[in-house]
C-alpha cells in the first residue's frame, strides 16, 4: 500500500454504530461497517480512544492503557477488528493520549499518596505559593480555570493541562518514557499500524514553570 496516499476515515466509537442495541457505538459496530469502508475507498481508519476511561473527556482520560472500555467491547473485539480490516487492506491507526492520564489511573492513585511514593514523579507536582494557598503559577487549563489542583494527601498541586481529571505525565522521568514505550510496543505487536498522537506538542514543559504573559 502506498502510505503517501492514505485516505483516512476517523471514527468516534461512541456515536458511530451500535451493534447490540444499548445506544452506544462499539467495536463490533465498526466491524459491521467494513463493507461500507471498502465502498468508500478508504484505506486507513483513525480510531478515537477505546481504552478504559471514566469518560470525563470522551475517552481522552485513560485509566488503563491495556484495557478496552467495556462500553466498546473487549480486547478480542479489537483483535478481530484489526484482522478484518487487514483482510481488505485497511490500516488501523489508534488514537493515543500520552500527555496525561485519568486521575483514576493506578499511577496517579499511587502518585498522590505521599511525597516518597515510587510513582510520585510520574506526574508533575509543585508546592503552592503563599504557604500553599495559591497555585505554583498562573497557568490556565485549555478548557477552563487554573491548570493546577491541590490534593489533601500532601497539600501539593499537580499540573493538568486539560481537566482536573487529566493529570499531566512527567516526561522528564525516564520511568514514564519506558512505561509508555512498553505499552506502545504492546499495541504494535497486537497488529495495529500506528498511532495518532494526541496533543503530542504539549508533553514538554517549561522546566522553570514561569508565569505566562497574557
C-alpha atoms as a PDB file:
ATOM      1  CA  UNK A   1       0.000   0.000   0.000  1.00  0.00           C
ATOM      2  CA  UNK A   2       1.215   3.464  -0.884  1.00  0.00           C
ATOM      3  CA  UNK A   3       1.390   5.135   2.515  1.00  0.00           C
ATOM      4  CA  UNK A   4       1.852   8.504   0.827  1.00  0.00           C
ATOM      5  CA  UNK A   5      -1.722   8.338  -0.463  1.00  0.00           C
ATOM      6  CA  UNK A   6      -3.715   7.187   2.545  1.00  0.00           C
ATOM      7  CA  UNK A   7      -7.372   8.184   2.746  1.00  0.00           C
ATOM      8  CA  UNK A   8      -8.351   8.310   6.417  1.00  0.00           C
ATOM      9  CA  UNK A   9     -11.755   7.871   7.983  1.00  0.00           C
ATOM     10  CA  UNK A  10     -11.971   8.982  11.620  1.00  0.00           C
ATOM     11  CA  UNK A  11     -14.256   7.042  13.916  1.00  0.00           C
ATOM     12  CA  UNK A  12     -15.529   8.317  17.244  1.00  0.00           C
ATOM     13  CA  UNK A  13     -16.698   4.925  18.517  1.00  0.00           C
ATOM     14  CA  UNK A  14     -19.385   6.017  20.989  1.00  0.00           C
ATOM     15  CA  UNK A  15     -21.549   7.562  18.284  1.00  0.00           C
ATOM     16  CA  UNK A  16     -20.554   5.519  15.236  1.00  0.00           C
ATOM     17  CA  UNK A  17     -22.503   2.246  15.093  1.00  0.00           C
ATOM     18  CA  UNK A  18     -24.260   0.356  17.863  1.00  0.00           C
ATOM     19  CA  UNK A  19     -24.198  -3.416  17.293  1.00  0.00           C
ATOM     20  CA  UNK A  20     -26.027  -4.571  20.419  1.00  0.00           C
ATOM     21  CA  UNK A  21     -28.812  -2.036  20.859  1.00  0.00           C
ATOM     22  CA  UNK A  22     -27.577  -0.413  24.062  1.00  0.00           C
ATOM     23  CA  UNK A  23     -27.465   3.037  22.472  1.00  0.00           C
ATOM     24  CA  UNK A  24     -23.642   3.181  22.433  1.00  0.00           C
ATOM     25  CA  UNK A  25     -21.431   2.582  19.426  1.00  0.00           C
ATOM     26  CA  UNK A  26     -18.923  -0.233  19.801  1.00  0.00           C
ATOM     27  CA  UNK A  27     -16.087  -2.127  18.151  1.00  0.00           C
ATOM     28  CA  UNK A  28     -18.423  -4.800  16.768  1.00  0.00           C
ATOM     29  CA  UNK A  29     -20.385  -1.959  15.211  1.00  0.00           C
ATOM     30  CA  UNK A  30     -17.233  -0.843  13.416  1.00  0.00           C
ATOM     31  CA  UNK A  31     -16.665  -4.383  12.162  1.00  0.00           C
ATOM     32  CA  UNK A  32     -20.197  -4.418  10.749  1.00  0.00           C
ATOM     33  CA  UNK A  33     -19.372  -1.356   8.654  1.00  0.00           C
ATOM     34  CA  UNK A  34     -16.239  -2.716   6.977  1.00  0.00           C
ATOM     35  CA  UNK A  35     -18.072  -3.243   3.636  1.00  0.00           C
ATOM     36  CA  UNK A  36     -19.090   0.436   3.832  1.00  0.00           C
ATOM     37  CA  UNK A  37     -15.435   1.458   4.277  1.00  0.00           C
ATOM     38  CA  UNK A  38     -14.477  -0.610   1.246  1.00  0.00           C
ATOM     39  CA  UNK A  39     -17.241   1.029  -0.772  1.00  0.00           C
ATOM     40  CA  UNK A  40     -15.952   4.469   0.222  1.00  0.00           C
ATOM     41  CA  UNK A  41     -12.469   3.588  -0.983  1.00  0.00           C
ATOM     42  CA  UNK A  42     -10.671   4.491   2.241  1.00  0.00           C
ATOM     43  CA  UNK A  43      -7.502   2.665   3.218  1.00  0.00           C
ATOM     44  CA  UNK A  44      -6.927   3.779   6.816  1.00  0.00           C
ATOM     45  CA  UNK A  45      -9.036   4.296   9.926  1.00  0.00           C
ATOM     46  CA  UNK A  46      -8.164   6.675  12.752  1.00  0.00           C
ATOM     47  CA  UNK A  47      -9.904   5.226  15.793  1.00  0.00           C
ATOM     48  CA  UNK A  48     -10.559   7.639  18.654  1.00  0.00           C
ATOM     49  CA  UNK A  49      -9.901   6.240  22.153  1.00  0.00           C
ATOM     50  CA  UNK A  50     -11.450   2.910  23.122  1.00  0.00           C
ATOM     51  CA  UNK A  51      -9.256   2.407  26.193  1.00  0.00           C
ATOM     52  CA  UNK A  52     -10.608   2.079  29.736  1.00  0.00           C
ATOM     53  CA  UNK A  53     -11.737   5.530  30.858  1.00  0.00           C
ATOM     54  CA  UNK A  54     -14.211   7.237  33.224  1.00  0.00           C
ATOM     55  CA  UNK A  55     -15.110   9.355  30.167  1.00  0.00           C
ATOM     56  CA  UNK A  56     -14.697  12.808  31.665  1.00  0.00           C
ATOM     57  CA  UNK A  57     -13.228  13.851  28.300  1.00  0.00           C
ATOM     58  CA  UNK A  58     -14.707  11.450  25.759  1.00  0.00           C
ATOM     59  CA  UNK A  59     -12.121   8.759  26.430  1.00  0.00           C
ATOM     60  CA  UNK A  60      -9.117  11.076  26.342  1.00  0.00           C
ATOM     61  CA  UNK A  61      -8.739  10.447  30.078  1.00  0.00           C
ATOM     62  CA  UNK A  62      -7.276   6.943  30.063  1.00  0.00           C
ATOM     63  CA  UNK A  63      -7.408   4.939  33.279  1.00  0.00           C
ATOM     64  CA  UNK A  64      -5.734   1.812  31.865  1.00  0.00           C
ATOM     65  CA  UNK A  65      -3.804   1.794  28.607  1.00  0.00           C
ATOM     66  CA  UNK A  66      -4.001  -2.002  28.386  1.00  0.00           C
ATOM     67  CA  UNK A  67      -7.765  -2.365  28.843  1.00  0.00           C
ATOM     68  CA  UNK A  68     -10.648  -1.748  26.464  1.00  0.00           C
ATOM     69  CA  UNK A  69     -13.615   0.217  27.798  1.00  0.00           C
ATOM     70  CA  UNK A  70     -16.404  -2.358  28.294  1.00  0.00           C
ATOM     71  CA  UNK A  71     -18.908   0.001  26.649  1.00  0.00           C
ATOM     72  CA  UNK A  72     -16.981  -0.529  23.416  1.00  0.00           C
ATOM     73  CA  UNK A  73     -16.258  -4.245  23.756  1.00  0.00           C
ATOM     74  CA  UNK A  74     -13.260  -6.397  24.563  1.00  0.00           C
ATOM     75  CA  UNK A  75      -9.666  -6.906  23.572  1.00  0.00           C
ATOM     76  CA  UNK A  76     -10.800  -9.847  21.449  1.00  0.00           C
ATOM     77  CA  UNK A  77     -13.141  -7.474  19.613  1.00  0.00           C
ATOM     78  CA  UNK A  78     -10.204  -5.188  18.878  1.00  0.00           C
ATOM     79  CA  UNK A  79      -8.108  -8.104  17.632  1.00  0.00           C
ATOM     80  CA  UNK A  80     -10.941  -9.135  15.331  1.00  0.00           C
ATOM     81  CA  UNK A  81     -11.289  -5.583  14.040  1.00  0.00           C
ATOM     82  CA  UNK A  82      -7.583  -5.490  13.191  1.00  0.00           C
ATOM     83  CA  UNK A  83      -7.839  -8.849  11.402  1.00  0.00           C
ATOM     84  CA  UNK A  84     -10.955  -7.938   9.406  1.00  0.00           C
ATOM     85  CA  UNK A  85      -9.582  -4.542   8.359  1.00  0.00           C
ATOM     86  CA  UNK A  86      -6.279  -6.032   7.226  1.00  0.00           C
ATOM     87  CA  UNK A  87      -8.139  -8.606   5.140  1.00  0.00           C
ATOM     88  CA  UNK A  88      -9.434  -5.728   3.000  1.00  0.00           C
ATOM     89  CA  UNK A  89      -6.156  -3.757   3.118  1.00  0.00           C
ATOM     90  CA  UNK A  90      -7.331  -1.080   5.540  1.00  0.00           C
ATOM     91  CA  UNK A  91      -4.874   0.136   8.171  1.00  0.00           C
ATOM     92  CA  UNK A  92      -5.860   0.829  11.765  1.00  0.00           C
ATOM     93  CA  UNK A  93      -4.369   3.871  13.488  1.00  0.00           C
ATOM     94  CA  UNK A  94      -5.310   4.174  17.146  1.00  0.00           C
ATOM     95  CA  UNK A  95      -5.651   7.429  18.998  1.00  0.00           C
ATOM     96  CA  UNK A  96      -3.218   7.571  21.904  1.00  0.00           C
ATOM     97  CA  UNK A  97      -3.006  10.100  24.693  1.00  0.00           C
ATOM     98  CA  UNK A  98       0.320  10.325  26.490  1.00  0.00           C
ATOM     99  CA  UNK A  99       0.421  13.918  27.671  1.00  0.00           C
ATOM    100  CA  UNK A 100      -1.824  12.887  30.546  1.00  0.00           C
ATOM    101  CA  UNK A 101      -3.782  10.011  32.049  1.00  0.00           C
ATOM    102  CA  UNK A 102      -7.005   9.835  34.002  1.00  0.00           C
ATOM    103  CA  UNK A 103      -6.800  10.662  37.684  1.00  0.00           C
ATOM    104  CA  UNK A 104      -8.250   7.169  38.123  1.00  0.00           C
ATOM    105  CA  UNK A 105      -5.161   5.560  36.587  1.00  0.00           C
ATOM    106  CA  UNK A 106      -3.246   3.398  39.067  1.00  0.00           C
ATOM    107  CA  UNK A 107      -0.140   5.523  38.516  1.00  0.00           C
ATOM    108  CA  UNK A 108      -1.891   8.663  39.714  1.00  0.00           C
ATOM    109  CA  UNK A 109      -3.689   6.962  42.570  1.00  0.00           C
ATOM    110  CA  UNK A 110      -0.266   5.893  43.838  1.00  0.00           C
ATOM    111  CA  UNK A 111       1.433   9.170  42.951  1.00  0.00           C
ATOM    112  CA  UNK A 112      -0.813  11.295  45.137  1.00  0.00           C
ATOM    113  CA  UNK A 113      -0.430   9.130  48.250  1.00  0.00           C
ATOM    114  CA  UNK A 114       2.843  10.564  49.508  1.00  0.00           C
ATOM    115  CA  UNK A 115       5.919  12.597  48.569  1.00  0.00           C
ATOM    116  CA  UNK A 116       8.092   9.480  48.513  1.00  0.00           C
ATOM    117  CA  UNK A 117       5.746   7.139  46.648  1.00  0.00           C
ATOM    118  CA  UNK A 118       7.570   5.337  43.789  1.00  0.00           C
ATOM    119  CA  UNK A 119       5.044   6.798  41.341  1.00  0.00           C
ATOM    120  CA  UNK A 120       5.273  10.364  42.666  1.00  0.00           C
ATOM    121  CA  UNK A 121       7.447  11.571  39.791  1.00  0.00           C
ATOM    122  CA  UNK A 122       5.210  10.035  37.140  1.00  0.00           C
ATOM    123  CA  UNK A 123       3.316  13.334  37.348  1.00  0.00           C
ATOM    124  CA  UNK A 124       4.207  16.997  37.843  1.00  0.00           C
ATOM    125  CA  UNK A 125       3.820  18.121  41.445  1.00  0.00           C
ATOM    126  CA  UNK A 126       4.690  21.517  42.874  1.00  0.00           C
ATOM    127  CA  UNK A 127       4.306  23.330  46.166  1.00  0.00           C
ATOM    128  CA  UNK A 128       1.818  26.175  46.131  1.00  0.00           C
ATOM    129  CA  UNK A 129       2.666  29.818  46.716  1.00  0.00           C
ATOM    130  CA  UNK A 130       1.885  31.724  49.901  1.00  0.00           C
ATOM    131  CA  UNK A 131       2.053  28.613  52.103  1.00  0.00           C
ATOM    132  CA  UNK A 132       0.124  26.567  49.572  1.00  0.00           C
ATOM    133  CA  UNK A 133      -2.857  28.883  49.354  1.00  0.00           C
ATOM    134  CA  UNK A 134      -2.282  29.685  45.674  1.00  0.00           C
ATOM    135  CA  UNK A 135      -1.181  27.519  42.712  1.00  0.00           C
ATOM    136  CA  UNK A 136       2.511  27.374  41.714  1.00  0.00           C
ATOM    137  CA  UNK A 137       1.998  29.750  38.771  1.00  0.00           C
ATOM    138  CA  UNK A 138      -0.749  31.427  36.759  1.00  0.00           C
ATOM    139  CA  UNK A 139      -1.109  28.788  34.048  1.00  0.00           C
ATOM    140  CA  UNK A 140      -4.656  28.066  32.940  1.00  0.00           C
ATOM    141  CA  UNK A 141      -6.108  24.838  31.581  1.00  0.00           C
ATOM    142  CA  UNK A 142      -7.216  24.637  27.947  1.00  0.00           C
ATOM    143  CA  UNK A 143     -10.820  24.027  28.952  1.00  0.00           C
ATOM    144  CA  UNK A 144     -11.284  26.385  31.901  1.00  0.00           C
ATOM    145  CA  UNK A 145      -9.787  27.508  35.194  1.00  0.00           C
ATOM    146  CA  UNK A 146      -6.312  27.018  36.711  1.00  0.00           C
ATOM    147  CA  UNK A 147      -4.042  24.287  35.345  1.00  0.00           C
ATOM    148  CA  UNK A 148      -3.244  23.183  38.900  1.00  0.00           C
ATOM    149  CA  UNK A 149      -5.242  21.280  41.500  1.00  0.00           C
ATOM    150  CA  UNK A 150      -4.298  20.561  45.089  1.00  0.00           C
ATOM    151  CA  UNK A 151      -4.685  17.223  46.849  1.00  0.00           C
ATOM    152  CA  UNK A 152      -5.249  16.793  50.554  1.00  0.00           C
ATOM    153  CA  UNK A 153      -2.772  13.915  50.888  1.00  0.00           C
ATOM    154  CA  UNK A 154       0.332  16.136  50.569  1.00  0.00           C
ATOM    155  CA  UNK A 155      -1.138  19.629  50.026  1.00  0.00           C
ATOM    156  CA  UNK A 156       0.878  19.911  46.808  1.00  0.00           C
ATOM    157  CA  UNK A 157      -0.519  20.802  43.392  1.00  0.00           C
ATOM    158  CA  UNK A 158      -0.475  18.635  40.272  1.00  0.00           C
ATOM    159  CA  UNK A 159      -0.465  20.022  36.746  1.00  0.00           C
ATOM    160  CA  UNK A 160      -3.366  19.306  34.398  1.00  0.00           C
ATOM    161  CA  UNK A 161      -3.281  21.000  31.004  1.00  0.00           C
ATOM    162  CA  UNK A 162      -6.899  19.997  30.415  1.00  0.00           C
ATOM    163  CA  UNK A 163      -9.449  18.947  33.078  1.00  0.00           C
ATOM    164  CA  UNK A 164      -8.559  18.282  36.718  1.00  0.00           C
ATOM    165  CA  UNK A 165      -9.347  14.630  35.979  1.00  0.00           C
ATOM    166  CA  UNK A 166      -6.435  14.546  33.484  1.00  0.00           C
ATOM    167  CA  UNK A 167      -3.125  14.955  35.355  1.00  0.00           C
ATOM    168  CA  UNK A 168      -0.134  15.566  33.081  1.00  0.00           C
ATOM    169  CA  UNK A 169       2.582  12.935  32.926  1.00  0.00           C
ATOM    170  CA  UNK A 170       6.142  13.937  33.768  1.00  0.00           C
ATOM    171  CA  UNK A 171       8.163  13.249  30.633  1.00  0.00           C
ATOM    172  CA  UNK A 172      11.383  14.199  32.410  1.00  0.00           C
ATOM    173  CA  UNK A 173      11.018  10.912  34.273  1.00  0.00           C
ATOM    174  CA  UNK A 174      12.735   8.034  32.457  1.00  0.00           C
ATOM    175  CA  UNK A 175      10.313   5.556  34.045  1.00  0.00           C
ATOM    176  CA  UNK A 176       7.397   7.264  32.285  1.00  0.00           C
ATOM    177  CA  UNK A 177       9.214   7.035  28.960  1.00  0.00           C
ATOM    178  CA  UNK A 178       9.885   3.323  29.439  1.00  0.00           C
ATOM    179  CA  UNK A 179       6.338   2.544  30.571  1.00  0.00           C
ATOM    180  CA  UNK A 180       4.805   4.315  27.575  1.00  0.00           C
ATOM    181  CA  UNK A 181       7.285   2.704  25.166  1.00  0.00           C
ATOM    182  CA  UNK A 182       6.356  -0.727  26.523  1.00  0.00           C
ATOM    183  CA  UNK A 183       2.665  -0.002  26.056  1.00  0.00           C
ATOM    184  CA  UNK A 184       3.128   1.286  22.505  1.00  0.00           C
ATOM    185  CA  UNK A 185       5.112  -1.847  21.643  1.00  0.00           C
ATOM    186  CA  UNK A 186       2.276  -3.974  23.032  1.00  0.00           C
ATOM    187  CA  UNK A 187      -0.249  -2.493  20.602  1.00  0.00           C
ATOM    188  CA  UNK A 188       2.089  -2.630  17.643  1.00  0.00           C
ATOM    189  CA  UNK A 189       2.700  -6.308  18.401  1.00  0.00           C
ATOM    190  CA  UNK A 190      -1.070  -6.730  18.558  1.00  0.00           C
ATOM    191  CA  UNK A 191      -1.142  -5.695  14.911  1.00  0.00           C
ATOM    192  CA  UNK A 192      -2.215  -2.058  14.760  1.00  0.00           C
ATOM    193  CA  UNK A 193      -0.466   0.032  12.142  1.00  0.00           C
ATOM    194  CA  UNK A 194       0.406   3.156  14.104  1.00  0.00           C
ATOM    195  CA  UNK A 195      -0.815   5.921  16.347  1.00  0.00           C
ATOM    196  CA  UNK A 196      -2.287   9.367  16.076  1.00  0.00           C
ATOM    197  CA  UNK A 197      -0.535  11.086  18.983  1.00  0.00           C
ATOM    198  CA  UNK A 198      -2.936  13.402  20.775  1.00  0.00           C
ATOM    199  CA  UNK A 199      -1.533  16.829  21.825  1.00  0.00           C
ATOM    200  CA  UNK A 200       1.994  15.431  21.490  1.00  0.00           C
ATOM    201  CA  UNK A 201       3.317  19.002  21.252  1.00  0.00           C
ATOM    202  CA  UNK A 202       2.397  19.563  24.899  1.00  0.00           C
ATOM    203  CA  UNK A 203       4.434  16.831  26.595  1.00  0.00           C
ATOM    204  CA  UNK A 204       7.427  19.159  27.018  1.00  0.00           C
ATOM    205  CA  UNK A 205       7.003  21.683  29.815  1.00  0.00           C
ATOM    206  CA  UNK A 206       8.855  24.865  30.767  1.00  0.00           C
ATOM    207  CA  UNK A 207      11.216  23.440  33.394  1.00  0.00           C
ATOM    208  CA  UNK A 208      11.198  26.743  35.296  1.00  0.00           C
ATOM    209  CA  UNK A 209       7.379  26.895  35.392  1.00  0.00           C
ATOM    210  CA  UNK A 210       7.378  30.655  34.927  1.00  0.00           C
ATOM    211  CA  UNK A 211       4.140  32.618  34.914  1.00  0.00           C
ATOM    212  CA  UNK A 212       2.595  33.034  31.497  1.00  0.00           C
ATOM    213  CA  UNK A 213       2.215  36.502  29.971  1.00  0.00           C
ATOM    214  CA  UNK A 214      -1.226  37.491  28.780  1.00  0.00           C
END
